[in-house]
N, C-alpha and C. Protein backbone atom coordinates (compact mmCIF):
# COMPACT_ATOMS: atom_id res chain seq x y z
N GLU A 1 -126.83 -101.08 166.89
CA GLU A 1 -126.29 -99.87 166.28
C GLU A 1 -127.13 -98.65 166.63
N LYS A 2 -128.44 -98.85 166.83
CA LYS A 2 -129.29 -97.72 167.18
C LYS A 2 -128.85 -97.14 168.52
N MET A 3 -128.56 -97.99 169.48
CA MET A 3 -128.11 -97.52 170.79
C MET A 3 -126.76 -96.83 170.66
N GLN A 4 -125.88 -97.36 169.82
CA GLN A 4 -124.58 -96.73 169.61
C GLN A 4 -124.77 -95.35 169.00
N TYR A 5 -125.68 -95.24 168.03
CA TYR A 5 -125.91 -93.96 167.35
C TYR A 5 -126.40 -92.92 168.34
N GLU A 6 -127.33 -93.31 169.22
CA GLU A 6 -127.85 -92.36 170.20
C GLU A 6 -126.77 -91.92 171.16
N HIS A 7 -125.85 -92.83 171.47
CA HIS A 7 -124.76 -92.49 172.39
C HIS A 7 -123.68 -91.67 171.69
N ASP A 8 -123.23 -92.17 170.53
CA ASP A 8 -122.16 -91.49 169.80
C ASP A 8 -122.14 -92.01 168.36
N PRO A 9 -122.64 -91.23 167.40
CA PRO A 9 -122.70 -91.68 166.01
C PRO A 9 -121.36 -92.15 165.45
N SER A 10 -120.25 -91.66 165.99
CA SER A 10 -118.95 -92.06 165.46
C SER A 10 -118.63 -93.52 165.78
N LEU A 11 -119.40 -94.15 166.66
CA LEU A 11 -119.18 -95.55 167.00
C LEU A 11 -119.70 -96.50 165.92
N LEU A 12 -120.55 -95.99 165.03
CA LEU A 12 -121.08 -96.83 163.95
C LEU A 12 -119.99 -97.19 162.96
N SER A 13 -120.19 -98.32 162.31
CA SER A 13 -119.22 -98.74 161.30
C SER A 13 -119.21 -97.71 160.16
N PRO A 14 -118.08 -97.55 159.49
CA PRO A 14 -118.02 -96.60 158.37
C PRO A 14 -119.06 -96.91 157.29
N THR A 15 -119.36 -98.17 157.05
CA THR A 15 -120.35 -98.55 156.05
C THR A 15 -121.73 -98.03 156.45
N THR A 16 -122.08 -98.19 157.72
CA THR A 16 -123.38 -97.72 158.21
C THR A 16 -123.45 -96.20 158.18
N GLN A 17 -122.37 -95.54 158.58
CA GLN A 17 -122.34 -94.07 158.54
C GLN A 17 -122.55 -93.56 157.12
N GLN A 18 -121.88 -94.21 156.16
CA GLN A 18 -122.00 -93.79 154.76
C GLN A 18 -123.42 -94.04 154.25
N ALA A 19 -124.00 -95.18 154.63
CA ALA A 19 -125.37 -95.49 154.19
C ALA A 19 -126.36 -94.48 154.76
N LEU A 20 -126.17 -94.08 156.01
CA LEU A 20 -127.04 -93.07 156.62
C LEU A 20 -126.92 -91.73 155.90
N GLU A 21 -125.70 -91.33 155.61
CA GLU A 21 -125.48 -90.07 154.90
C GLU A 21 -126.13 -90.09 153.52
N GLN A 22 -126.00 -91.21 152.81
CA GLN A 22 -126.60 -91.34 151.48
C GLN A 22 -128.12 -91.27 151.56
N GLU A 23 -128.72 -91.92 152.57
CA GLU A 23 -130.17 -91.91 152.71
C GLU A 23 -130.68 -90.52 153.06
N VAL A 24 -130.00 -89.83 153.95
CA VAL A 24 -130.39 -88.46 154.30
C VAL A 24 -130.31 -87.57 153.06
N GLN A 25 -129.26 -87.71 152.27
CA GLN A 25 -129.12 -86.91 151.06
C GLN A 25 -130.22 -87.23 150.06
N ARG A 26 -130.55 -88.53 149.92
CA ARG A 26 -131.62 -88.93 148.99
C ARG A 26 -132.95 -88.30 149.42
N LEU A 27 -133.24 -88.34 150.72
CA LEU A 27 -134.49 -87.74 151.21
C LEU A 27 -134.51 -86.24 150.95
N LYS A 28 -133.39 -85.57 151.16
CA LYS A 28 -133.32 -84.13 150.90
C LYS A 28 -133.51 -83.84 149.42
N ASN A 29 -132.84 -84.63 148.55
CA ASN A 29 -132.94 -84.41 147.10
C ASN A 29 -134.36 -84.59 146.60
N GLU A 30 -135.09 -85.54 147.18
CA GLU A 30 -136.46 -85.81 146.75
C GLU A 30 -137.49 -84.97 147.50
N GLY A 31 -137.01 -84.12 148.40
CA GLY A 31 -137.92 -83.25 149.14
C GLY A 31 -138.77 -83.99 150.14
N ILE A 32 -138.29 -85.14 150.60
CA ILE A 32 -139.05 -85.93 151.56
C ILE A 32 -138.60 -85.54 152.96
N GLN A 33 -139.55 -85.12 153.76
CA GLN A 33 -139.21 -84.74 155.12
C GLN A 33 -139.07 -85.99 155.97
N MET A 34 -138.02 -86.06 156.76
CA MET A 34 -137.82 -87.22 157.61
C MET A 34 -138.75 -87.13 158.81
N ASN A 35 -139.36 -88.25 159.16
CA ASN A 35 -140.28 -88.29 160.29
C ASN A 35 -139.52 -88.63 161.57
N PRO A 36 -139.77 -87.89 162.65
CA PRO A 36 -139.15 -88.27 163.91
C PRO A 36 -139.83 -89.50 164.50
N GLY A 37 -140.98 -89.86 163.98
CA GLY A 37 -141.70 -91.04 164.45
C GLY A 37 -142.91 -91.28 163.58
N THR A 38 -143.56 -92.38 163.82
CA THR A 38 -144.74 -92.73 163.05
C THR A 38 -145.95 -91.99 163.60
N LEU A 39 -146.77 -91.43 162.71
CA LEU A 39 -147.98 -90.75 163.14
C LEU A 39 -149.01 -91.77 163.62
N THR A 40 -149.65 -91.48 164.73
CA THR A 40 -150.66 -92.39 165.27
C THR A 40 -151.95 -92.26 164.48
N GLN A 41 -152.84 -93.23 164.62
CA GLN A 41 -154.14 -93.17 163.97
C GLN A 41 -154.92 -91.95 164.46
N LYS A 42 -154.79 -91.63 165.73
CA LYS A 42 -155.49 -90.47 166.29
C LYS A 42 -154.99 -89.18 165.63
N THR A 43 -153.67 -89.08 165.44
CA THR A 43 -153.10 -87.90 164.80
C THR A 43 -153.56 -87.82 163.35
N LEU A 44 -153.50 -88.95 162.62
CA LEU A 44 -153.92 -88.96 161.21
C LEU A 44 -155.40 -88.59 161.07
N ALA A 45 -156.21 -88.88 162.06
CA ALA A 45 -157.64 -88.59 161.99
C ALA A 45 -157.95 -87.11 162.26
N SER A 46 -157.02 -86.38 162.86
CA SER A 46 -157.29 -84.99 163.22
C SER A 46 -157.27 -84.09 161.98
N GLU A 47 -158.19 -83.14 161.96
CA GLU A 47 -158.28 -82.20 160.83
C GLU A 47 -157.01 -81.37 160.72
N GLU A 48 -156.44 -80.99 161.85
CA GLU A 48 -155.23 -80.16 161.83
C GLU A 48 -154.07 -80.91 161.17
N ALA A 49 -153.88 -82.17 161.53
CA ALA A 49 -152.80 -82.96 160.93
C ALA A 49 -153.04 -83.15 159.44
N GLN A 50 -154.28 -83.42 159.06
CA GLN A 50 -154.60 -83.62 157.64
C GLN A 50 -154.35 -82.35 156.85
N LYS A 51 -154.61 -81.20 157.44
CA LYS A 51 -154.37 -79.92 156.78
C LYS A 51 -152.87 -79.73 156.52
N VAL A 52 -152.04 -80.01 157.53
CA VAL A 52 -150.59 -79.87 157.39
C VAL A 52 -150.07 -80.86 156.35
N LEU A 53 -150.55 -82.10 156.40
CA LEU A 53 -150.11 -83.11 155.44
C LEU A 53 -150.50 -82.71 154.02
N LYS A 54 -151.70 -82.16 153.86
CA LYS A 54 -152.15 -81.75 152.53
C LYS A 54 -151.25 -80.66 151.97
N GLN A 55 -150.79 -79.75 152.82
CA GLN A 55 -149.86 -78.70 152.39
C GLN A 55 -148.55 -79.31 151.89
N ARG A 56 -148.23 -80.51 152.37
CA ARG A 56 -147.00 -81.21 151.96
C ARG A 56 -147.28 -82.25 150.88
N SER A 57 -148.44 -82.13 150.22
CA SER A 57 -148.86 -83.04 149.15
C SER A 57 -148.99 -84.47 149.63
N ILE A 58 -149.51 -84.63 150.83
CA ILE A 58 -149.76 -85.95 151.38
C ILE A 58 -151.22 -86.02 151.79
N GLY A 59 -151.92 -87.03 151.30
CA GLY A 59 -153.31 -87.24 151.66
C GLY A 59 -153.42 -88.35 152.68
N VAL A 60 -154.53 -88.37 153.41
CA VAL A 60 -154.79 -89.44 154.38
C VAL A 60 -155.95 -90.26 153.83
N PHE A 61 -155.70 -91.56 153.64
CA PHE A 61 -156.68 -92.44 153.02
C PHE A 61 -156.98 -93.62 153.93
N ARG A 62 -158.20 -94.15 153.79
CA ARG A 62 -158.57 -95.38 154.52
C ARG A 62 -158.11 -96.57 153.68
N GLU A 63 -157.51 -97.53 154.36
CA GLU A 63 -157.01 -98.71 153.67
C GLU A 63 -157.18 -99.92 154.58
N LYS A 64 -157.61 -101.04 154.00
CA LYS A 64 -157.74 -102.26 154.78
C LYS A 64 -156.41 -102.99 154.77
N ARG A 65 -155.95 -103.35 155.97
CA ARG A 65 -154.68 -104.06 156.11
C ARG A 65 -154.94 -105.43 156.74
N PRO A 66 -154.33 -106.46 156.17
CA PRO A 66 -154.55 -107.80 156.73
C PRO A 66 -153.75 -108.02 158.02
N TYR A 67 -154.31 -108.86 158.88
CA TYR A 67 -153.61 -109.26 160.09
C TYR A 67 -154.14 -110.63 160.51
N LEU A 68 -153.45 -111.28 161.41
CA LEU A 68 -153.87 -112.57 161.93
C LEU A 68 -154.30 -112.41 163.38
N THR A 69 -155.40 -113.06 163.75
CA THR A 69 -155.85 -113.03 165.14
C THR A 69 -154.95 -113.95 165.96
N ASN A 70 -155.13 -113.95 167.27
CA ASN A 70 -154.34 -114.84 168.14
C ASN A 70 -154.59 -116.29 167.79
N ASP A 71 -155.76 -116.59 167.20
CA ASP A 71 -156.08 -117.96 166.79
C ASP A 71 -155.54 -118.27 165.39
N GLY A 72 -154.85 -117.32 164.77
CA GLY A 72 -154.28 -117.54 163.44
C GLY A 72 -155.26 -117.31 162.31
N LEU A 73 -156.42 -116.72 162.61
CA LEU A 73 -157.43 -116.45 161.58
C LEU A 73 -157.13 -115.13 160.88
N PRO A 74 -157.21 -115.11 159.56
CA PRO A 74 -156.95 -113.86 158.83
C PRO A 74 -158.12 -112.89 158.97
N ARG A 75 -157.80 -111.64 159.20
CA ARG A 75 -158.80 -110.58 159.30
C ARG A 75 -158.25 -109.35 158.60
N GLU A 76 -159.10 -108.34 158.42
CA GLU A 76 -158.67 -107.06 157.88
C GLU A 76 -159.02 -105.96 158.86
N TRP A 77 -158.14 -104.97 158.93
CA TRP A 77 -158.34 -103.84 159.83
C TRP A 77 -158.25 -102.58 159.00
N GLU A 78 -159.28 -101.74 159.11
CA GLU A 78 -159.26 -100.49 158.35
C GLU A 78 -158.43 -99.46 159.11
N MET A 79 -157.46 -98.90 158.38
CA MET A 79 -156.54 -97.94 158.98
C MET A 79 -156.48 -96.67 158.15
N LEU A 80 -156.03 -95.61 158.77
CA LEU A 80 -155.72 -94.37 158.06
C LEU A 80 -154.26 -94.45 157.65
N VAL A 81 -153.99 -94.14 156.37
CA VAL A 81 -152.64 -94.27 155.83
C VAL A 81 -152.28 -92.99 155.08
N PRO A 82 -151.13 -92.37 155.40
CA PRO A 82 -150.70 -91.20 154.64
C PRO A 82 -150.05 -91.64 153.33
N LYS A 83 -150.43 -90.97 152.22
CA LYS A 83 -149.85 -91.28 150.92
C LYS A 83 -149.60 -90.00 150.16
N LYS A 84 -148.48 -89.97 149.44
CA LYS A 84 -148.15 -88.81 148.60
C LYS A 84 -149.19 -88.71 147.49
N ILE A 85 -149.69 -87.51 147.25
CA ILE A 85 -150.67 -87.31 146.18
C ILE A 85 -150.02 -86.62 145.00
N ALA A 86 -150.47 -86.98 143.82
CA ALA A 86 -149.89 -86.44 142.59
C ALA A 86 -150.18 -84.95 142.50
N LYS A 87 -149.21 -84.23 142.04
CA LYS A 87 -149.42 -82.80 141.76
C LYS A 87 -150.05 -82.70 140.39
N THR A 88 -150.93 -81.74 140.22
CA THR A 88 -151.60 -81.57 138.93
C THR A 88 -151.13 -80.30 138.26
N ASP A 89 -151.20 -80.29 136.92
CA ASP A 89 -150.82 -79.08 136.18
C ASP A 89 -152.03 -78.15 136.11
N ALA A 90 -151.88 -77.05 135.39
CA ALA A 90 -152.94 -76.03 135.32
C ALA A 90 -154.24 -76.59 134.76
N GLN A 91 -154.19 -77.60 133.87
CA GLN A 91 -155.40 -78.17 133.29
C GLN A 91 -155.98 -79.27 134.18
N GLY A 92 -155.33 -79.59 135.29
CA GLY A 92 -155.85 -80.59 136.21
C GLY A 92 -155.36 -82.00 135.90
N ALA A 93 -154.45 -82.15 134.96
CA ALA A 93 -153.92 -83.48 134.63
C ALA A 93 -152.87 -83.88 135.67
N ALA A 94 -152.85 -85.13 136.04
CA ALA A 94 -151.90 -85.62 137.03
C ALA A 94 -150.48 -85.56 136.47
N ALA A 95 -149.54 -85.36 137.34
CA ALA A 95 -148.13 -85.30 136.94
C ALA A 95 -147.71 -86.67 136.38
N ALA A 96 -146.81 -86.64 135.43
CA ALA A 96 -146.36 -87.87 134.78
C ALA A 96 -145.17 -88.50 135.47
N ASP A 97 -144.84 -88.04 136.68
CA ASP A 97 -143.66 -88.57 137.35
C ASP A 97 -143.95 -89.83 138.15
N GLY A 98 -145.19 -90.31 138.11
CA GLY A 98 -145.53 -91.55 138.78
C GLY A 98 -145.89 -91.38 140.26
N THR A 99 -145.93 -90.16 140.76
CA THR A 99 -146.30 -89.97 142.16
C THR A 99 -147.81 -90.02 142.28
N PHE A 100 -148.26 -90.45 143.44
CA PHE A 100 -149.69 -90.46 143.74
C PHE A 100 -149.91 -90.44 145.22
């Protein structure tokens, strides 16, 4: 379906078209900007990218993520991860909407 969409979105099934429209509307309603792609670790590490993300209430945090080696051994890899940060009120209290 991805190849069909790139060629001609009208080729998608009506169910898929409707689901896409609903998701785009949900993102717009919640003020979530759609990403044209995933940010690389190099981009997330740059001060300029972090500044832009901070303006959008997104922080960049270090997080350990599990993975398996080629031998099947579990390991952890430290990565930079973008996360929405809670907005604070005038007294500095975190918003009660559950965002972080």
